[in-house]
Amino acid sequence: MVSKGKKRPDPAEKSVQNEFIRRFKSNPFIFIGTIVILIIVIVAFVLVPALVPATEGANVDLTFGFYDKIPISYVRGNYLAQVQASYAQYMQGSINESNALSISSRIWRSAFEETVIHIGILQEMKKAGFVLPPELVDKQVRTLPEFQENGRFSLSRYRQLDKSAQLSLWKEVQDSLITQRYLSDVSLRQSSKEASFISAMASKERSFALVSFPLSSYPVEEITAFAQENPDLFKTVHLSKITINSNERELREVLRSVEQGDMSFEEAARTHSQDNFAESGGDTGVKMAYELTEEIPDESERETVLTLVRGDVSPIVKVPSGWAFYRAEENSSPADLNDQDTVEKIRTYLTGFRRGIMDDWLIAQAEQFIAQAEETGFDSAADALGLAKQNFGPVAINYGNFALFKSLASDTVSELGAAVSNENFWRIAFSTPLQSPSTPFMLGNNALVLFPLEENTLEEAEIESIASSYTSYWLNNNTDQSIRNRFIQSEKLEDNFWTTYFRYLQPSI
């Protein structure tokens, strides 16, 4: 027996709410886009009072933005209000004192995004000229559970709604059916011209040979020549330093103590320095001059430190973390270009800071190869210069490695690893005449020369098959999230959600 004053839970309502939770958890986006959510929203709106913001009746404009110039506003009973109420009902059991603010913002933001998608879909369908027969809407209204009695549509129950509510409900059902059609009918979203364009891209396939000039082939002679032309960059210095991050005056006191002999440099570093070299008495190790460029940004201050002789202490200089002064542990010395480690360090500098010099050299080597290939043939020139020739293809213009086309052989030709999404590669590959070397170009860490061997055109049946497959591929891969992103990231969306939310709806703490 039910206690007096308590309402027995309605089994039908409980069943509907359980179904809502089950479907929402399994796929919230598609669920929102189906007729079931419309039914549940209506039930939630009729049976569960909407959680109305405290600004209700305060003449506040709760407009969170615009989509295609259509306002996205909270008005009691509209789509945004219904979805917000449904989310609030669903999350009700999860709210506690510690998470109330975050869950509130999630509920409102989710309702806002679903409304954006709702409006976006309706706008696209409207612009596509889609018209839903009124008879279909009437039929769907007659199936709604709140109007059923003994398994049949009850006109008396329906007439309990006033004319305004009937019109509102009819419009909601109409919009929901349009949304369903959008989500289920790919032909309204994917143009046949798009499939034709994609199949045309795949219609021509080419096979290629290539030779590469890798960055690693940049010779030691070029490295040492650059170092000899720029000796000041690579002279070695052995420095110690003391750094203070708080203020220059504190460091000046430490410098005075060191200069007056009140404490040794090492002791001052261990006691006062605020950098990673404090424990080693300030010793920063041996460096090349260019490595101090970021550490001492001011050129004149950097030159002062680099010209210190053994035992000299520098004035205070500005460093990114604060202020520092240095002591020279050794006199600076020119780079030892006979030392392999030194040469590799200079190579690293060139790769990181003067990469263009290396690329230009590689392109020049490739141009010499091309000149010889035009005289003696591609294969003969490669053999004469000891270059490894690699073949790949046939492949169509497959920018981005589209699943329906043949992919590049980047797994076997490592030089093509960066080619898939490189527009210049595809342009050169399919604009170079057959049996001719291409212009050289950089791709990743290689200068490449392509040699198109042959070109084939697919049979008409194969082209039609690709066009047909594209429709299925598009549908299978146009996921819920991509549809969501289509509208949420659209330029048509003016998103003022957080401004409005924090101004009117965020409870004060």
Protein backbone atom coordinates (compact mmCIF):
# COMPACT_ATOMS: atom_id res chain seq x y z
CA MET A 1 0.00 0.00 0.00
CA VAL A 2 1.33 3.40 -0.94
CA SER A 3 2.00 5.85 1.89
CA LYS A 4 -0.33 8.78 2.02
CA GLY A 5 1.04 11.88 0.34
CA LYS A 6 3.38 9.98 -1.97
CA LYS A 7 2.66 9.53 -5.62
CA ARG A 8 3.00 6.03 -7.00
CA PRO A 9 5.55 6.08 -9.87
CA ASP A 10 3.86 5.84 -13.24
CA PRO A 11 5.16 2.60 -14.84
CA ALA A 12 4.76 4.06 -18.32
CA GLU A 13 6.73 7.16 -17.40
CA LYS A 14 9.45 5.10 -15.71
CA SER A 15 9.71 2.86 -18.76
CA VAL A 16 10.06 5.86 -21.06
CA GLN A 17 12.74 7.42 -18.88
CA ASN A 18 14.69 4.14 -18.72
CA GLU A 19 14.55 3.88 -22.50
CA PHE A 20 15.80 7.46 -22.75
CA ILE A 21 18.79 6.70 -20.53
CA ARG A 22 19.62 3.48 -22.37
CA ARG A 23 19.59 5.06 -25.81
CA PHE A 24 21.26 8.24 -24.68
CA LYS A 25 24.20 6.30 -23.21
CA SER A 26 24.61 4.14 -26.30
CA ASN A 27 24.67 6.98 -28.84
CA PRO A 28 23.60 10.42 -27.61
CA PHE A 29 23.92 12.25 -30.95
CA ILE A 30 21.92 9.92 -33.16
CA PHE A 31 19.38 9.52 -30.36
CA ILE A 32 18.87 13.27 -30.19
CA GLY A 33 18.34 13.26 -33.96
CA THR A 34 15.56 10.67 -34.00
CA ILE A 35 11.85 10.75 -33.38
CA VAL A 36 12.32 8.90 -30.11
CA ILE A 37 13.96 11.92 -28.53
CA LEU A 38 11.04 14.02 -29.63
CA ILE A 39 8.67 11.69 -27.82
CA ILE A 40 10.83 11.68 -24.72
CA VAL A 41 11.26 15.43 -24.78
CA ILE A 42 7.50 15.85 -24.99
CA VAL A 43 6.97 13.42 -22.12
CA ALA A 44 9.66 15.17 -20.09
CA PHE A 45 8.08 18.50 -20.88
CA VAL A 46 4.56 17.37 -19.96
CA LEU A 47 5.37 15.17 -16.96
CA VAL A 48 8.54 16.79 -15.58
CA PRO A 49 8.60 20.57 -15.00
CA ALA A 50 11.45 22.15 -16.93
CA LEU A 51 14.32 23.55 -14.91
CA VAL A 52 13.71 27.20 -15.65
CA PRO A 53 16.63 29.60 -15.04
CA ALA A 54 16.33 32.08 -12.22
CA THR A 55 16.14 34.89 -14.78
CA GLU A 56 12.70 33.71 -15.97
CA GLY A 57 10.36 36.69 -15.97
CA ALA A 58 13.20 39.14 -15.42
CA ASN A 59 13.12 40.42 -19.03
CA VAL A 60 16.47 38.80 -19.76
CA ASP A 61 17.36 37.86 -23.33
CA LEU A 62 18.92 34.38 -23.05
CA THR A 63 20.30 34.33 -26.59
CA PHE A 64 23.45 32.20 -26.75
CA GLY A 65 24.37 32.92 -30.36
CA PHE A 66 23.13 32.64 -33.92
CA TYR A 67 23.27 29.98 -36.63
CA ASP A 68 22.78 31.24 -40.16
CA LYS A 69 21.46 34.43 -38.51
CA ILE A 70 18.78 32.46 -36.62
CA PRO A 71 18.92 33.20 -32.86
CA ILE A 72 19.68 30.32 -30.49
CA SER A 73 17.62 31.42 -27.52
CA TYR A 74 16.14 29.89 -24.40
CA VAL A 75 12.38 30.44 -24.39
CA ARG A 76 10.22 28.31 -22.16
CA GLY A 77 8.94 25.37 -24.20
CA ASN A 78 11.17 25.84 -27.28
CA TYR A 79 13.63 23.24 -28.56
CA LEU A 80 16.58 24.49 -26.48
CA ALA A 81 14.43 24.56 -23.33
CA GLN A 82 13.15 21.02 -23.95
CA VAL A 83 16.59 19.54 -24.54
CA GLN A 84 17.98 21.39 -21.52
CA ALA A 85 15.17 20.01 -19.37
CA SER A 86 15.75 16.49 -20.66
CA TYR A 87 19.49 16.67 -19.95
CA ALA A 88 18.80 18.10 -16.49
CA GLN A 89 16.37 15.26 -15.76
CA TYR A 90 18.91 12.69 -16.94
CA MET A 91 21.73 14.18 -14.85
CA GLN A 92 19.60 14.84 -11.76
CA GLY A 93 20.87 11.84 -9.82
CA SER A 94 24.53 12.72 -10.52
CA ILE A 95 24.49 16.24 -9.09
CA ASN A 96 26.01 16.98 -5.70
CA GLU A 97 27.43 20.02 -3.96
CA SER A 98 30.93 19.55 -5.35
CA ASN A 99 30.03 19.10 -9.02
CA ALA A 100 26.87 21.21 -9.36
CA LEU A 101 28.58 24.08 -11.19
CA SER A 102 30.41 21.90 -13.71
CA ILE A 103 27.39 19.72 -14.45
CA SER A 104 25.20 22.78 -14.88
CA SER A 105 27.55 24.18 -17.52
CA ARG A 106 27.73 20.78 -19.27
CA ILE A 107 23.93 20.53 -19.39
CA TRP A 108 23.51 23.99 -20.87
CA ARG A 109 26.41 23.63 -23.32
CA SER A 110 25.15 20.23 -24.53
CA ALA A 111 21.65 21.64 -25.02
CA PHE A 112 23.10 24.60 -26.91
CA GLU A 113 25.12 22.37 -29.26
CA GLU A 114 22.17 20.08 -29.94
CA THR A 115 20.11 23.16 -30.80
CA VAL A 116 22.83 24.39 -33.18
CA ILE A 117 22.79 21.02 -34.94
CA HIS A 118 18.98 20.99 -34.99
CA ILE A 119 18.80 24.44 -36.59
CA GLY A 120 21.66 23.64 -38.98
CA ILE A 121 19.97 20.49 -40.27
CA LEU A 122 16.65 22.24 -40.76
CA GLN A 123 18.36 25.07 -42.63
CA GLU A 124 20.21 22.69 -44.95
CA MET A 125 17.03 20.76 -45.69
CA LYS A 126 15.15 23.99 -46.34
CA LYS A 127 17.81 25.21 -48.78
CA ALA A 128 17.77 21.79 -50.47
CA GLY A 129 14.06 22.35 -51.18
CA PHE A 130 12.90 19.41 -49.08
CA VAL A 131 9.19 19.51 -48.21
CA LEU A 132 7.60 17.01 -45.82
CA PRO A 133 4.03 15.98 -46.66
CA PRO A 134 1.65 17.22 -43.92
CA GLU A 135 -0.13 13.85 -43.94
CA LEU A 136 3.08 12.19 -42.77
CA VAL A 137 3.33 14.60 -39.83
CA ASP A 138 -0.32 14.02 -38.91
CA LYS A 139 0.24 10.27 -38.97
CA GLN A 140 3.26 10.55 -36.69
CA VAL A 141 1.42 12.79 -34.21
CA ARG A 142 -1.30 10.15 -33.92
CA THR A 143 1.30 7.60 -32.77
CA LEU A 144 2.64 9.64 -29.83
CA PRO A 145 2.24 7.70 -26.55
CA GLU A 146 0.53 10.50 -24.58
CA PHE A 147 -2.41 10.35 -27.01
CA GLN A 148 -2.92 6.57 -26.85
CA GLU A 149 -5.85 4.96 -25.10
CA ASN A 150 -6.39 1.20 -25.24
CA GLY A 151 -3.82 0.99 -28.00
CA ARG A 152 -5.55 3.57 -30.22
CA PHE A 153 -5.23 7.29 -30.85
CA SER A 154 -7.50 9.24 -28.50
CA LEU A 155 -8.86 12.41 -30.07
CA SER A 156 -10.17 13.55 -26.70
CA ARG A 157 -6.69 13.38 -25.19
CA TYR A 158 -5.32 15.33 -28.13
CA ARG A 159 -7.99 18.01 -27.74
CA GLN A 160 -6.95 18.54 -24.15
CA LEU A 161 -4.12 20.60 -25.67
CA ASP A 162 -5.06 24.14 -26.66
CA LYS A 163 -4.62 25.25 -30.26
CA SER A 164 -1.26 26.86 -29.55
CA ALA A 165 0.11 23.67 -27.96
CA GLN A 166 -1.25 21.58 -30.86
CA LEU A 167 0.53 23.78 -33.42
CA SER A 168 3.73 23.71 -31.40
CA LEU A 169 3.60 19.93 -31.11
CA TRP A 170 2.88 19.52 -34.84
CA LYS A 171 5.89 21.71 -35.68
CA GLU A 172 8.12 19.70 -33.33
CA VAL A 173 7.11 16.44 -34.98
CA GLN A 174 7.66 17.95 -38.43
CA ASP A 175 11.16 19.16 -37.51
CA SER A 176 12.03 15.80 -35.98
CA LEU A 177 10.97 13.91 -39.11
CA ILE A 178 13.02 16.29 -41.27
CA THR A 179 16.03 15.68 -39.02
CA GLN A 180 15.51 11.93 -39.36
CA ARG A 181 15.45 12.20 -43.12
CA TYR A 182 18.65 14.25 -43.11
CA LEU A 183 20.48 11.69 -41.00
CA SER A 184 19.25 8.71 -42.99
CA ASP A 185 19.30 9.95 -46.58
CA VAL A 186 22.85 10.51 -47.79
CA SER A 187 21.65 11.65 -51.19
CA LEU A 188 20.46 14.91 -49.62
CA ARG A 189 23.95 15.61 -48.23
CA GLN A 190 26.35 14.17 -50.79
CA SER A 191 26.20 15.44 -54.34
CA SER A 192 26.48 13.02 -57.26
CA LYS A 193 28.97 15.50 -58.76
CA GLU A 194 31.23 14.85 -55.78
CA ALA A 195 31.27 11.12 -56.51
CA SER A 196 32.00 11.85 -60.18
CA PHE A 197 34.85 14.15 -59.24
CA ILE A 198 36.37 11.54 -56.92
CA SER A 199 36.11 8.79 -59.54
CA ALA A 200 37.69 11.10 -62.14
CA MET A 201 40.68 11.57 -59.83
CA ALA A 202 41.13 7.81 -59.75
CA SER A 203 40.69 7.31 -63.49
CA LYS A 204 44.35 7.90 -64.39
CA GLU A 205 47.14 5.94 -62.72
CA ARG A 206 50.86 6.44 -63.17
CA SER A 207 53.94 4.33 -62.45
CA PHE A 208 57.20 6.00 -61.51
CA ALA A 209 60.90 5.57 -60.93
CA LEU A 210 62.70 7.90 -58.55
CA VAL A 211 66.14 8.77 -57.24
CA SER A 212 66.77 10.58 -53.99
CA PHE A 213 69.47 12.79 -52.54
CA PRO A 214 69.20 12.46 -48.74
CA LEU A 215 70.12 15.14 -46.25
CA SER A 216 72.55 12.70 -44.68
CA SER A 217 74.63 12.84 -47.89
CA TYR A 218 75.55 16.48 -47.25
CA PRO A 219 79.35 16.15 -47.21
CA VAL A 220 81.81 16.92 -44.46
CA GLU A 221 83.69 19.20 -46.84
CA GLU A 222 80.69 21.51 -47.11
CA ILE A 223 80.28 21.52 -43.33
CA THR A 224 83.91 22.42 -42.67
CA ALA A 225 83.85 25.05 -45.40
CA PHE A 226 80.84 26.72 -43.73
CA ALA A 227 82.56 26.57 -40.34
CA GLN A 228 85.69 28.19 -41.76
CA GLU A 229 83.56 31.00 -43.25
CA ASN A 230 81.80 31.53 -39.88
CA PRO A 231 84.42 30.81 -37.21
CA ASP A 232 82.79 33.00 -34.55
CA LEU A 233 79.70 30.78 -34.50
CA PHE A 234 81.62 27.64 -33.61
CA LYS A 235 84.42 28.73 -31.33
CA THR A 236 84.25 26.83 -28.06
CA VAL A 237 83.88 28.39 -24.64
CA HIS A 238 83.92 26.89 -21.17
CA LEU A 239 81.85 29.01 -18.80
CA SER A 240 80.37 28.95 -15.31
CA LYS A 241 77.46 31.16 -14.31
CA ILE A 242 75.34 32.32 -11.39
CA THR A 243 71.69 33.17 -12.01
CA ILE A 244 69.16 35.07 -9.92
CA ASN A 245 65.56 35.06 -11.09
CA SER A 246 64.01 37.40 -8.51
CA ASN A 247 65.76 40.77 -9.01
CA GLU A 248 68.98 42.25 -10.35
CA ARG A 249 69.88 43.96 -7.07
CA GLU A 250 70.18 40.62 -5.28
CA LEU A 251 72.54 39.32 -7.97
CA ARG A 252 74.61 42.50 -7.76
CA GLU A 253 75.22 41.77 -4.07
CA VAL A 254 76.38 38.24 -4.95
CA LEU A 255 78.70 39.60 -7.66
CA ARG A 256 80.21 42.09 -5.21
CA SER A 257 80.89 39.28 -2.72
CA VAL A 258 82.67 37.22 -5.39
CA GLU A 259 84.72 40.18 -6.67
CA GLN A 260 85.77 41.15 -3.13
CA GLY A 261 86.72 37.58 -2.28
CA ASP A 262 84.16 37.19 0.48
CA MET A 263 83.18 33.84 -1.10
CA SER A 264 84.40 31.81 -4.02
CA PHE A 265 82.50 31.69 -7.27
CA GLU A 266 81.67 28.00 -6.64
CA GLU A 267 80.41 28.68 -3.13
CA ALA A 268 78.29 31.60 -4.34
CA ALA A 269 76.81 29.43 -7.07
CA ARG A 270 75.87 26.63 -4.67
CA THR A 271 74.44 29.08 -2.13
CA HIS A 272 72.65 31.64 -4.30
CA SER A 273 72.29 30.53 -7.91
CA GLN A 274 68.77 29.67 -9.08
CA ASP A 275 69.51 27.54 -12.13
CA ASN A 276 70.34 23.91 -12.92
CA PHE A 277 74.09 24.46 -12.60
CA ALA A 278 74.10 25.52 -8.95
CA GLU A 279 75.07 22.10 -7.57
CA SER A 280 78.08 21.90 -9.91
CA GLY A 281 79.39 25.24 -8.68
CA GLY A 282 77.95 27.01 -11.72
CA ASP A 283 79.90 25.01 -14.33
CA THR A 284 77.88 24.95 -17.57
CA GLY A 285 80.37 22.83 -19.52
CA VAL A 286 81.91 23.44 -22.94
CA LYS A 287 79.68 25.07 -25.56
CA MET A 288 79.91 26.52 -29.02
CA ALA A 289 79.34 30.24 -29.32
CA TYR A 290 76.06 29.92 -31.23
CA GLU A 291 74.55 27.98 -28.31
CA LEU A 292 74.57 31.18 -26.25
CA THR A 293 72.28 33.02 -28.71
CA GLU A 294 69.07 32.21 -26.85
CA GLU A 295 70.72 32.19 -23.43
CA ILE A 296 72.04 35.77 -23.84
CA PRO A 297 69.72 37.48 -26.36
CA ASP A 298 71.52 40.85 -26.38
CA GLU A 299 74.32 40.66 -28.96
CA SER A 300 76.68 43.11 -27.23
CA GLU A 301 76.30 41.38 -23.85
CA ARG A 302 76.83 37.99 -25.51
CA GLU A 303 80.01 39.23 -27.21
CA THR A 304 81.30 40.50 -23.84
CA VAL A 305 80.89 37.00 -22.34
CA LEU A 306 82.44 35.27 -25.35
CA THR A 307 85.60 37.42 -25.16
CA LEU A 308 86.28 36.67 -21.49
CA VAL A 309 89.72 35.18 -20.79
CA ARG A 310 90.33 32.46 -18.25
CA GLY A 311 89.36 33.57 -14.73
CA ASP A 312 87.55 36.73 -15.83
CA VAL A 313 84.05 37.44 -14.48
CA SER A 314 81.54 39.23 -16.68
CA PRO A 315 79.25 42.10 -15.76
CA ILE A 316 75.63 41.21 -15.09
CA VAL A 317 73.72 40.29 -18.26
CA LYS A 318 70.02 39.76 -18.93
CA VAL A 319 68.93 36.16 -19.48
CA PRO A 320 65.41 34.82 -20.17
CA SER A 321 64.87 33.67 -16.57
CA GLY A 322 66.30 36.77 -14.89
CA TRP A 323 69.91 37.98 -14.56
CA ALA A 324 73.30 36.24 -14.55
CA PHE A 325 77.03 36.77 -14.56
CA TYR A 326 79.63 34.42 -16.01
CA ARG A 327 83.22 33.32 -15.39
CA ALA A 328 85.49 31.94 -18.11
CA GLU A 329 87.02 28.61 -17.13
CA GLU A 330 89.19 28.53 -20.27
CA ASN A 331 90.06 30.93 -23.05
CA SER A 332 87.80 30.56 -26.08
CA SER A 333 89.28 28.45 -28.89
CA PRO A 334 88.44 27.80 -32.55
CA ALA A 335 86.44 24.70 -33.40
CA ASP A 336 88.53 21.58 -34.02
CA LEU A 337 87.31 20.63 -37.49
CA ASN A 338 89.30 17.40 -37.39
CA ASP A 339 87.16 16.17 -34.51
CA GLN A 340 84.18 14.11 -35.70
CA ASP A 341 81.97 15.13 -32.78
CA THR A 342 82.63 18.80 -33.52
CA VAL A 343 81.75 18.35 -37.19
CA GLU A 344 78.52 16.57 -36.29
CA LYS A 345 77.64 19.39 -33.93
CA ILE A 346 78.09 21.86 -36.78
CA ARG A 347 75.92 19.62 -38.98
CA THR A 348 73.23 19.80 -36.30
CA TYR A 349 73.47 23.58 -36.33
CA LEU A 350 73.07 23.68 -40.11
CA THR A 351 70.11 21.30 -39.99
CA GLY A 352 68.32 23.34 -37.34
CA PHE A 353 69.22 26.91 -38.29
CA ARG A 354 70.53 27.00 -41.87
CA ARG A 355 68.63 24.17 -43.49
CA GLY A 356 68.22 26.14 -46.70
CA ILE A 357 71.93 25.93 -47.41
CA MET A 358 71.80 22.13 -47.24
CA ASP A 359 68.61 21.94 -49.32
CA ASP A 360 70.14 24.16 -52.01
CA TRP A 361 73.16 21.86 -52.23
CA LEU A 362 70.95 18.77 -52.57
CA ILE A 363 68.83 20.43 -55.28
CA ALA A 364 72.02 21.37 -57.14
CA GLN A 365 73.14 17.71 -57.07
CA ALA A 366 69.73 16.65 -58.36
CA GLU A 367 69.94 19.19 -61.20
CA GLN A 368 73.31 17.80 -62.23
CA PHE A 369 71.76 14.33 -62.33
CA ILE A 370 68.85 15.61 -64.45
CA ALA A 371 71.24 17.18 -66.95
CA GLN A 372 73.05 13.87 -67.31
CA ALA A 373 69.79 11.91 -67.48
CA GLU A 374 68.59 14.05 -70.36
CA GLU A 375 71.75 13.11 -72.26
CA THR A 376 72.24 9.44 -71.39
CA GLY A 377 68.89 8.33 -70.01
CA PHE A 378 67.48 8.07 -66.48
CA ASP A 379 68.80 4.57 -65.71
CA SER A 380 72.28 5.23 -67.13
CA ALA A 381 72.66 8.48 -65.22
CA ALA A 382 71.61 6.79 -61.97
CA ASP A 383 74.10 3.96 -62.53
CA ALA A 384 76.91 6.35 -63.42
CA LEU A 385 76.42 8.38 -60.24
CA GLY A 386 75.86 5.33 -58.04
CA LEU A 387 72.29 6.33 -57.21
CA ALA A 388 69.74 3.73 -56.15
CA LYS A 389 66.69 3.79 -58.42
CA GLN A 390 63.33 2.84 -56.85
CA ASN A 391 60.00 2.14 -58.52
CA PHE A 392 56.46 2.69 -57.25
CA GLY A 393 52.93 2.67 -58.65
CA PRO A 394 50.66 2.47 -60.41
CA VAL A 395 48.89 5.07 -58.30
CA ALA A 396 46.23 7.71 -58.92
CA ILE A 397 46.19 11.23 -57.49
CA ASN A 398 45.51 10.07 -53.96
CA TYR A 399 46.06 13.14 -51.81
CA GLY A 400 45.45 12.21 -48.18
CA ASN A 401 45.60 8.46 -48.86
CA PHE A 402 41.90 8.04 -49.64
CA ALA A 403 40.83 4.48 -48.87
CA LEU A 404 39.14 3.82 -52.22
CA PHE A 405 42.30 4.54 -54.25
CA LYS A 406 45.59 2.71 -54.45
CA SER A 407 47.95 4.07 -51.81
CA LEU A 408 51.54 5.20 -52.19
CA ALA A 409 54.18 2.59 -51.48
CA SER A 410 55.53 4.62 -48.55
CA ASP A 411 55.96 1.42 -46.54
CA THR A 412 58.53 0.14 -49.05
CA VAL A 413 59.82 3.47 -50.41
CA SER A 414 60.65 5.36 -47.25
CA GLU A 415 61.35 8.60 -49.13
CA LEU A 416 57.62 8.86 -49.85
CA GLY A 417 56.64 8.94 -46.19
CA ALA A 418 55.71 12.64 -46.33
CA ALA A 419 54.25 12.54 -49.86
CA VAL A 420 50.64 11.57 -49.15
CA SER A 421 49.54 15.05 -48.05
CA ASN A 422 52.11 17.06 -50.01
CA GLU A 423 50.40 19.04 -52.79
CA ASN A 424 53.69 19.81 -54.53
CA PHE A 425 54.48 16.09 -54.82
CA TRP A 426 51.16 15.30 -56.53
CA ARG A 427 51.40 18.33 -58.81
CA ILE A 428 54.88 17.38 -60.02
CA ALA A 429 54.05 13.67 -60.25
CA PHE A 430 51.09 14.17 -62.59
CA SER A 431 52.28 17.22 -64.57
CA THR A 432 55.70 15.89 -65.61
CA PRO A 433 55.64 14.41 -69.13
CA LEU A 434 56.06 10.64 -69.39
CA GLN A 435 59.61 9.32 -69.81
CA SER A 436 61.05 12.64 -68.60
CA PRO A 437 62.76 13.52 -65.31
CA SER A 438 60.79 15.90 -63.11
CA THR A 439 62.09 19.10 -61.65
CA PRO A 440 63.86 18.36 -58.35
CA PHE A 441 61.99 19.08 -55.15
CA MET A 442 62.45 18.64 -51.42
CA LEU A 443 60.26 16.11 -49.63
CA GLY A 444 61.10 15.64 -45.97
CA ASN A 445 64.85 15.06 -45.69
CA ASN A 446 65.34 14.19 -49.35
CA ALA A 447 65.64 15.94 -52.69
CA LEU A 448 63.70 13.80 -55.17
CA VAL A 449 63.59 13.44 -58.93
CA LEU A 450 60.60 11.52 -60.31
CA PHE A 451 60.51 9.75 -63.66
CA PRO A 452 56.96 8.89 -64.84
CA LEU A 453 57.19 5.55 -66.62
CA GLU A 454 53.66 5.06 -67.94
CA GLU A 455 50.06 6.14 -67.49
CA ASN A 456 46.94 4.00 -67.63
CA THR A 457 43.28 4.97 -67.81
CA LEU A 458 40.87 2.75 -65.92
CA GLU A 459 38.04 0.99 -67.69
CA GLU A 460 34.67 2.74 -67.56
CA ALA A 461 33.25 -0.03 -65.37
CA GLU A 462 36.04 0.51 -62.81
CA ILE A 463 35.40 4.25 -62.75
CA GLU A 464 31.68 3.70 -62.20
CA SER A 465 32.47 1.21 -59.46
CA ILE A 466 34.58 3.78 -57.62
CA ALA A 467 31.80 6.38 -57.92
CA SER A 468 29.31 3.88 -56.54
CA SER A 469 31.64 2.82 -53.73
CA TYR A 470 32.24 6.43 -52.79
CA THR A 471 28.61 6.90 -51.74
CA SER A 472 28.79 3.93 -49.38
CA TYR A 473 32.21 4.99 -48.14
CA TRP A 474 30.99 8.51 -47.45
CA LEU A 475 28.00 7.28 -45.49
CA ASN A 476 30.02 4.78 -43.43
CA ASN A 477 32.73 7.31 -42.59
CA ASN A 478 30.63 10.43 -42.11
CA THR A 479 30.41 9.67 -38.40
CA ASP A 480 28.23 11.25 -35.76
CA GLN A 481 31.16 13.38 -34.62
CA SER A 482 31.88 14.63 -38.13
CA ILE A 483 28.23 15.63 -38.57
CA ARG A 484 28.40 17.40 -35.22
CA ASN A 485 31.60 19.21 -36.23
CA ARG A 486 30.00 20.23 -39.52
CA PHE A 487 27.66 22.54 -37.63
CA ILE A 488 29.53 23.35 -34.41
CA GLN A 489 32.62 24.42 -36.38
CA SER A 490 30.66 26.12 -39.16
CA GLU A 491 31.39 29.73 -40.09
CA LYS A 492 27.63 30.23 -39.96
CA LEU A 493 27.71 29.81 -36.17
CA GLU A 494 28.13 32.87 -33.99
CA ASP A 495 28.90 31.24 -30.64
CA ASN A 496 28.29 33.55 -27.68
CA PHE A 497 27.36 30.73 -25.33
CA TRP A 498 29.86 31.28 -22.54
CA THR A 499 29.34 35.04 -22.44
CA THR A 500 25.61 34.61 -21.91
CA TYR A 501 26.00 31.63 -19.59
CA PHE A 502 28.41 33.30 -17.18
CA ARG A 503 26.46 36.53 -17.26
CA TYR A 504 23.04 35.12 -16.48
CA LEU A 505 23.14 31.45 -15.54
CA GLN A 506 26.32 30.68 -13.60
CA PRO A 507 25.39 30.70 -9.91
CA SER A 508 27.56 32.95 -7.78
CA ILE A 509 30.01 31.10 -5.52
